[in-house]
Amino acid sequence: MWLEYLGAEVAGFSIDIPTSPSNFDVLGLENCLSHYLGDIRDIERLAQVIDEFRPEIVFHLAAQPLVRRSYADPVTTFETNTLGTLNLLECVRVRPWIEAAVLITSDKAYRNDEWCWGYRETDALGGHDPYSGSKGCAELIAYSYYHSFLSRAPTRIVTTRAGNVIGGGDWAADRIVPDCIRAWSKGETLDVRNPHSTRPWQHVLEPLGGYLWLGSRLLQQYDGLDGEAFNFGPNPNVDQTVAELLAAMATRWPGVQWQSPEAENEDAPEATLLKLSCDKALFHLGWRAVLDFSEVVTFTVDWYHTWHGGEQDMHGYTLDQIEQYQALANSRGLPWVQQG
């Protein structure tokens, strides 16, 4: 939607529409882009779509994106997140007319040692759970392909690692914000698994702005970017616990309740502490997060409130949020707004 707002011609490639409701349907995105169905693991179908649309730039976000689902279905997780990345890179490799590719993995690609400082792009990759392991593998595949084939090719590529993203339009299972909205909209009490876990919460527009700015820099052939990895995370003061996120959300959705059930043997453990260092993005791109924690929560909860209130034009409302975000970025001196 943001790309369309900027005047781009957009195509989307996905195996399906994963939830009902979905952001895709609520915003009417099928009317805004060329909509292709296909499996990222099917290289022939992927190549067919790329050849038909002939993109100048590719943003690769196709993934099995859920940690807990990766325990239930590790094979699909690894196939999608590793073979999918391999297929996309192979398509890019033999099509030098593609000018740039931004490959989005995850902050979970880092081997999480639960330390208190932010992970840098040079820190060890890995992962205790299948999802994290698959994202670390995707990064290694991209690194290998770049140095083997693309470092001397006309196509420029980067990988990006973003922190925990929240925002309106997410209805995935086993994510804290959608779980809250599902329960609270019915007047139910939410069971919270890990209230003391700390995450780098950021609104979805934050890393998207970074991806767009990085993509534009690649198209303009800026030095120091090709083949690199970049973190896009929130300001350090936005690293909050799950309980602090719930408390902040409750100020925008009064009367809600949650509880933390008595601890059981966790068969799908997740990391408890995770932070990112975004110094590299600041140095090379002038990028930093725009929103403080209260603004992240306000943007997120107000979107769901508006939808549950029966607003019919969520496309227009979401566009308003993009414009509000850009105005805040401009007022705070972000270069991608001033030069975009």
Protein backbone atom coordinates (compact mmCIF):
# COMPACT_ATOMS: atom_id res chain seq x y z
CA MET A 1 0.00 0.00 0.00
CA TRP A 2 2.87 2.36 0.82
CA LEU A 3 4.56 1.54 -2.48
CA GLU A 4 1.35 2.35 -4.35
CA TYR A 5 1.11 5.63 -2.42
CA LEU A 6 4.64 6.46 -3.60
CA GLY A 7 3.64 5.85 -7.21
CA ALA A 8 5.12 2.40 -7.77
CA GLU A 9 3.57 -0.34 -9.87
CA VAL A 10 3.37 -3.32 -7.51
CA ALA A 11 3.00 -7.08 -7.83
CA GLY A 12 2.53 -9.47 -4.94
CA PHE A 13 3.38 -13.19 -4.84
CA SER A 14 1.99 -15.41 -2.08
CA ILE A 15 0.89 -18.98 -1.54
CA ASP A 16 -2.45 -17.85 -0.11
CA ILE A 17 -4.23 -15.29 2.04
CA PRO A 18 -3.24 -16.70 5.43
CA THR A 19 -5.98 -15.46 7.75
CA SER A 20 -9.61 -14.39 7.79
CA PRO A 21 -9.99 -11.51 8.27
CA SER A 22 -6.77 -10.40 6.57
CA ASN A 23 -5.06 -7.09 5.92
CA PHE A 24 -5.08 -7.95 2.21
CA ASP A 25 -8.88 -8.20 2.15
CA VAL A 26 -9.69 -5.41 4.62
CA LEU A 27 -7.60 -2.89 2.66
CA GLY A 28 -8.81 -4.11 -0.74
CA LEU A 29 -5.26 -4.67 -1.91
CA GLU A 30 -6.29 -6.97 -4.75
CA ASN A 31 -7.52 -3.82 -6.50
CA CYS A 32 -4.19 -2.04 -5.97
CA LEU A 33 -1.64 -4.50 -7.33
CA SER A 34 -1.02 -7.41 -9.66
CA HIS A 35 -1.95 -10.36 -7.46
CA TYR A 36 -0.15 -13.67 -8.14
CA LEU A 37 -0.74 -16.89 -6.23
CA GLY A 38 2.15 -19.32 -6.01
CA ASP A 39 4.47 -21.22 -3.70
CA ILE A 40 7.90 -19.68 -3.12
CA ARG A 41 9.23 -23.26 -3.01
CA ASP A 42 8.14 -23.71 -6.66
CA ILE A 43 10.96 -22.06 -8.62
CA GLU A 44 9.26 -22.53 -12.00
CA ARG A 45 6.14 -20.66 -10.89
CA LEU A 46 8.22 -17.96 -9.22
CA ALA A 47 10.33 -17.49 -12.34
CA GLN A 48 7.19 -17.33 -14.51
CA VAL A 49 5.74 -14.51 -12.41
CA ILE A 50 9.03 -12.58 -12.32
CA ASP A 51 9.36 -12.83 -16.09
CA GLU A 52 5.78 -11.69 -16.60
CA PHE A 53 5.95 -8.68 -14.28
CA ARG A 54 9.66 -7.84 -14.77
CA PRO A 55 10.30 -5.98 -11.50
CA GLU A 56 13.11 -3.45 -11.14
CA ILE A 57 13.33 -4.22 -7.42
CA VAL A 58 12.23 -7.19 -5.33
CA PHE A 59 11.31 -7.12 -1.64
CA HIS A 60 11.43 -10.70 -0.35
CA LEU A 61 9.24 -11.24 2.71
CA ALA A 62 7.70 -14.64 1.87
CA ALA A 63 8.08 -16.88 4.93
CA GLN A 64 6.61 -19.15 7.54
CA PRO A 65 6.83 -16.37 10.14
CA LEU A 66 5.71 -17.92 13.44
CA VAL A 67 8.03 -19.36 16.10
CA ARG A 68 5.47 -21.68 17.71
CA ARG A 69 4.26 -23.01 14.37
CA SER A 70 7.87 -23.88 13.54
CA TYR A 71 7.84 -26.41 16.37
CA ALA A 72 4.65 -27.99 15.05
CA ASP A 73 5.84 -28.04 11.43
CA PRO A 74 9.62 -27.67 11.22
CA VAL A 75 9.91 -29.16 7.74
CA THR A 76 7.60 -26.61 6.09
CA THR A 77 9.31 -23.85 8.07
CA PHE A 78 12.79 -24.78 6.85
CA GLU A 79 11.60 -25.44 3.30
CA THR A 80 9.78 -22.12 3.02
CA ASN A 81 12.37 -19.93 4.70
CA THR A 82 15.51 -21.50 3.20
CA LEU A 83 14.48 -23.04 -0.12
CA GLY A 84 12.24 -20.03 -0.76
CA THR A 85 15.18 -17.67 -0.28
CA LEU A 86 17.39 -19.90 -2.45
CA ASN A 87 14.79 -19.93 -5.25
CA LEU A 88 14.39 -16.16 -5.15
CA LEU A 89 18.16 -15.62 -5.28
CA GLU A 90 18.53 -18.06 -8.16
CA CYS A 91 15.85 -16.19 -10.10
CA VAL A 92 17.65 -12.91 -9.39
CA ARG A 93 21.04 -14.37 -10.33
CA VAL A 94 20.03 -15.24 -13.89
CA ARG A 95 18.07 -12.03 -14.46
CA PRO A 96 20.60 -9.17 -14.40
CA TRP A 97 17.86 -6.73 -15.42
CA ILE A 98 16.59 -6.90 -11.82
CA GLU A 99 18.35 -3.89 -10.35
CA ALA A 100 18.00 -4.56 -6.61
CA ALA A 101 16.68 -7.04 -4.06
CA VAL A 102 15.96 -6.42 -0.38
CA LEU A 103 15.76 -9.73 1.50
CA ILE A 104 13.90 -9.52 4.81
CA THR A 105 14.80 -12.20 7.36
CA SER A 106 14.37 -11.56 11.12
CA ASP A 107 16.12 -10.51 14.29
CA LYS A 108 15.63 -14.17 15.30
CA ALA A 109 18.41 -15.00 12.81
CA TYR A 110 20.89 -14.15 15.57
CA ARG A 111 22.05 -16.84 17.97
CA ASN A 112 20.34 -15.49 21.06
CA ASP A 113 22.65 -15.60 24.07
CA GLU A 114 20.20 -13.52 26.16
CA TRP A 115 22.71 -10.72 26.65
CA CYS A 116 21.65 -7.21 27.58
CA TRP A 117 23.18 -5.27 24.66
CA GLY A 118 21.96 -5.07 21.10
CA TYR A 119 22.96 -7.60 18.47
CA ARG A 120 25.09 -6.20 15.66
CA GLU A 121 25.10 -7.37 12.07
CA THR A 122 28.47 -9.11 12.60
CA ASP A 123 27.26 -11.21 15.55
CA ALA A 124 26.81 -14.98 15.28
CA LEU A 125 23.77 -16.35 13.47
CA GLY A 126 21.85 -19.34 14.74
CA GLY A 127 18.70 -20.25 16.59
CA HIS A 128 17.45 -22.70 19.20
CA ASP A 129 14.03 -23.07 17.57
CA PRO A 130 13.29 -24.13 13.96
CA TYR A 131 12.06 -20.68 12.95
CA SER A 132 15.21 -18.93 14.16
CA GLY A 133 17.41 -21.62 12.64
CA SER A 134 15.66 -21.27 9.28
CA LYS A 135 16.20 -17.51 9.29
CA GLY A 136 19.88 -17.94 10.13
CA CYS A 137 20.10 -20.37 7.19
CA ALA A 138 18.43 -17.83 4.89
CA GLU A 139 21.08 -15.28 5.84
CA LEU A 140 23.88 -17.75 5.10
CA ILE A 141 22.35 -18.59 1.72
CA ALA A 142 22.17 -14.90 0.83
CA TYR A 143 25.78 -14.37 1.95
CA SER A 144 26.98 -17.31 -0.15
CA TYR A 145 25.02 -16.27 -3.24
CA TYR A 146 26.28 -12.72 -3.02
CA HIS A 147 29.94 -13.67 -2.76
CA SER A 148 29.68 -16.50 -5.30
CA PHE A 149 27.56 -14.85 -7.99
CA LEU A 150 26.25 -11.35 -7.29
CA SER A 151 29.19 -9.34 -5.96
CA ARG A 152 30.26 -8.60 -9.55
CA ALA A 153 26.76 -8.63 -11.04
CA PRO A 154 24.64 -5.55 -11.87
CA THR A 155 21.98 -6.59 -9.35
CA ARG A 156 22.56 -5.20 -5.84
CA ILE A 157 21.24 -7.09 -2.80
CA VAL A 158 21.00 -6.63 0.95
CA THR A 159 19.50 -8.54 3.86
CA THR A 160 17.58 -6.92 6.70
CA ARG A 161 16.71 -8.02 10.21
CA ALA A 162 13.81 -6.35 12.01
CA GLY A 163 12.60 -6.56 15.58
CA ASN A 164 9.14 -7.60 16.75
CA VAL A 165 6.67 -5.82 14.48
CA ILE A 166 3.17 -4.86 15.62
CA GLY A 167 0.46 -2.81 13.96
CA GLY A 168 -3.07 -2.89 12.64
CA GLY A 169 -4.12 -5.63 10.23
CA ASP A 170 -2.29 -8.58 11.81
CA TRP A 171 -4.53 -11.55 12.64
CA ALA A 172 -1.87 -14.28 12.90
CA ALA A 173 -2.16 -16.91 15.61
CA ASP A 174 0.18 -16.95 18.62
CA ARG A 175 1.15 -13.30 18.33
CA ILE A 176 0.52 -11.16 21.36
CA VAL A 177 -1.30 -8.21 19.75
CA PRO A 178 -3.71 -10.24 17.56
CA ASP A 179 -4.33 -12.57 20.50
CA CYS A 180 -5.20 -9.54 22.65
CA ILE A 181 -7.55 -8.08 20.07
CA ARG A 182 -9.35 -11.38 19.52
CA ALA A 183 -9.92 -11.85 23.25
CA TRP A 184 -10.66 -8.26 24.22
CA SER A 185 -13.09 -7.63 21.37
CA LYS A 186 -15.20 -10.48 22.83
CA GLY A 187 -14.82 -9.32 26.43
CA GLU A 188 -12.65 -12.35 27.25
CA THR A 189 -9.62 -12.58 29.53
CA LEU A 190 -6.37 -13.26 27.68
CA ASP A 191 -3.95 -15.95 28.84
CA VAL A 192 -0.39 -14.63 28.47
CA ARG A 193 2.43 -17.18 28.26
CA ASN A 194 5.52 -15.09 28.92
CA PRO A 195 4.64 -11.71 30.47
CA HIS A 196 8.23 -10.96 31.51
CA SER A 197 9.81 -11.56 28.10
CA THR A 198 11.39 -8.44 26.62
CA ARG A 199 11.05 -7.62 22.93
CA PRO A 200 12.07 -4.72 20.65
CA TRP A 201 8.48 -3.72 19.83
CA GLN A 202 8.13 -1.50 16.79
CA HIS A 203 5.27 -0.41 14.59
CA VAL A 204 5.20 -2.07 11.19
CA LEU A 205 5.79 1.25 9.40
CA GLU A 206 9.22 1.62 11.05
CA PRO A 207 11.04 -1.26 9.33
CA LEU A 208 8.98 -0.78 6.15
CA GLY A 209 10.33 2.76 5.94
CA GLY A 210 13.82 1.34 6.36
CA TYR A 211 13.29 -1.25 3.62
CA LEU A 212 11.97 1.37 1.21
CA TRP A 213 14.79 3.79 1.93
CA LEU A 214 17.39 1.03 1.61
CA GLY A 215 15.83 -0.12 -1.66
CA SER A 216 15.93 3.40 -3.07
CA ARG A 217 19.59 3.76 -2.08
CA LEU A 218 20.38 0.49 -3.88
CA LEU A 219 18.62 1.71 -7.02
CA GLN A 220 20.71 4.88 -6.84
CA GLN A 221 23.87 2.75 -6.46
CA TYR A 222 25.05 4.25 -3.18
CA ASP A 223 28.38 2.87 -1.96
CA GLY A 224 28.74 0.63 1.09
CA LEU A 225 25.38 -1.10 0.82
CA ASP A 226 25.65 -3.94 -1.70
CA GLY A 227 25.94 -7.36 -0.06
CA GLU A 228 25.50 -5.95 3.45
CA ALA A 229 23.07 -6.78 6.28
CA PHE A 230 21.14 -4.14 8.23
CA ASN A 231 19.16 -4.15 11.48
CA PHE A 232 15.96 -2.11 11.71
CA GLY A 233 14.76 -1.89 15.28
CA PRO A 234 13.15 0.55 17.69
CA ASN A 235 14.76 3.08 19.96
CA PRO A 236 16.31 1.42 23.04
CA ASN A 237 13.54 2.71 25.31
CA VAL A 238 10.99 0.73 23.30
CA ASP A 239 12.43 -2.59 24.51
CA GLN A 240 9.59 -3.42 26.89
CA THR A 241 8.24 -6.56 28.49
CA VAL A 242 5.06 -8.22 27.28
CA ALA A 243 3.37 -7.09 30.50
CA GLU A 244 4.36 -3.47 29.84
CA LEU A 245 3.00 -3.72 26.31
CA LEU A 246 -0.32 -5.08 27.62
CA ALA A 247 -0.57 -2.32 30.22
CA ALA A 248 0.02 0.34 27.55
CA MET A 249 -2.54 -1.26 25.22
CA ALA A 250 -5.09 -1.32 28.05
CA THR A 251 -4.96 2.47 28.29
CA ARG A 252 -6.33 2.57 24.70
CA TRP A 253 -8.81 -0.29 25.22
CA PRO A 254 -10.26 0.19 28.74
CA GLY A 255 -11.71 -2.63 30.78
CA VAL A 256 -9.56 -5.42 29.37
CA GLN A 257 -8.09 -8.23 31.43
CA TRP A 258 -5.31 -10.77 31.12
CA GLN A 259 -3.70 -13.42 33.25
CA SER A 260 -0.57 -15.52 33.22
CA PRO A 261 -1.44 -19.19 33.78
CA GLU A 262 0.68 -21.20 36.18
CA ALA A 263 3.90 -22.18 34.46
CA GLU A 264 3.88 -25.53 32.72
CA ASN A 265 6.60 -27.45 30.97
CA GLU A 266 7.14 -25.34 27.88
CA ASP A 267 7.32 -27.55 24.80
CA ALA A 268 7.97 -24.61 22.48
CA PRO A 269 10.32 -22.25 24.33
CA GLU A 270 11.01 -18.76 23.04
CA ALA A 271 13.75 -16.25 23.83
CA THR A 272 13.15 -13.98 26.80
CA LEU A 273 15.51 -11.08 25.97
CA LEU A 274 16.32 -9.70 22.55
CA LYS A 275 17.67 -6.32 21.47
CA LEU A 276 19.09 -4.92 18.25
CA SER A 277 21.82 -2.40 17.55
CA CYS A 278 20.83 -0.15 14.63
CA ASP A 279 24.01 1.91 14.52
CA LYS A 280 24.87 0.62 11.06
CA ALA A 281 21.55 1.77 9.58
CA LEU A 282 22.02 5.16 11.24
CA PHE A 283 25.57 5.54 9.87
CA HIS A 284 24.96 4.39 6.29
CA LEU A 285 21.33 5.43 5.79
CA GLY A 286 20.59 8.09 8.36
CA TRP A 287 17.79 5.76 9.47
CA ARG A 288 16.44 5.58 12.99
CA ALA A 289 13.07 4.75 14.47
CA VAL A 290 10.51 7.55 14.52
CA LEU A 291 7.97 6.50 17.15
CA ASP A 292 8.29 6.27 20.90
CA PHE A 293 6.60 3.42 22.78
CA SER A 294 3.33 5.24 23.45
CA GLU A 295 3.05 6.20 19.77
CA VAL A 296 3.69 2.60 18.69
CA VAL A 297 0.84 1.44 20.91
CA THR A 298 -1.49 4.26 19.84
CA PHE A 299 -1.00 3.59 16.11
CA THR A 300 -1.59 -0.12 16.70
CA VAL A 301 -4.58 -0.17 19.04
CA ASP A 302 -6.39 2.69 17.34
CA TRP A 303 -6.29 0.81 14.01
CA TYR A 304 -8.04 -2.21 15.55
CA HIS A 305 -10.48 0.00 17.47
CA THR A 306 -11.41 1.73 14.24
CA TRP A 307 -11.97 -1.55 12.39
CA HIS A 308 -14.00 -3.08 15.22
CA GLY A 309 -16.01 0.14 15.33
CA GLY A 310 -17.32 -0.62 11.84
CA GLU A 311 -15.21 1.76 9.75
CA GLN A 312 -15.78 0.78 6.12
CA ASP A 313 -12.85 2.67 4.58
CA MET A 314 -9.88 1.00 6.28
CA HIS A 315 -7.85 1.66 3.13
CA GLY A 316 -8.30 5.38 3.71
CA TYR A 317 -7.68 5.08 7.45
CA THR A 318 -4.45 3.13 6.88
CA LEU A 319 -3.31 5.67 4.32
CA ASP A 320 -3.94 8.37 6.94
CA GLN A 321 -1.66 6.48 9.35
CA ILE A 322 1.07 6.31 6.70
CA GLU A 323 0.77 10.06 6.16
CA GLN A 324 0.80 10.72 9.93
CA TYR A 325 3.91 8.58 10.26
CA GLN A 326 5.64 10.42 7.41
CA ALA A 327 4.73 13.78 8.98
CA LEU A 328 6.26 12.70 12.29
CA ALA A 329 9.38 11.44 10.50
CA ASN A 330 9.67 14.76 8.66
CA SER A 331 9.26 16.79 11.86
CA ARG A 332 12.01 14.69 13.48
CA GLY A 333 14.48 15.18 10.64
CA LEU A 334 14.53 11.74 9.01
CA PRO A 335 16.36 11.98 5.66
CA TRP A 336 14.19 9.46 3.81
CA VAL A 337 11.21 11.81 4.16
CA GLN A 338 13.08 14.98 3.29
CA GLN A 339 14.79 13.46 0.23
CA GLY A 340 12.11 10.94 -0.81
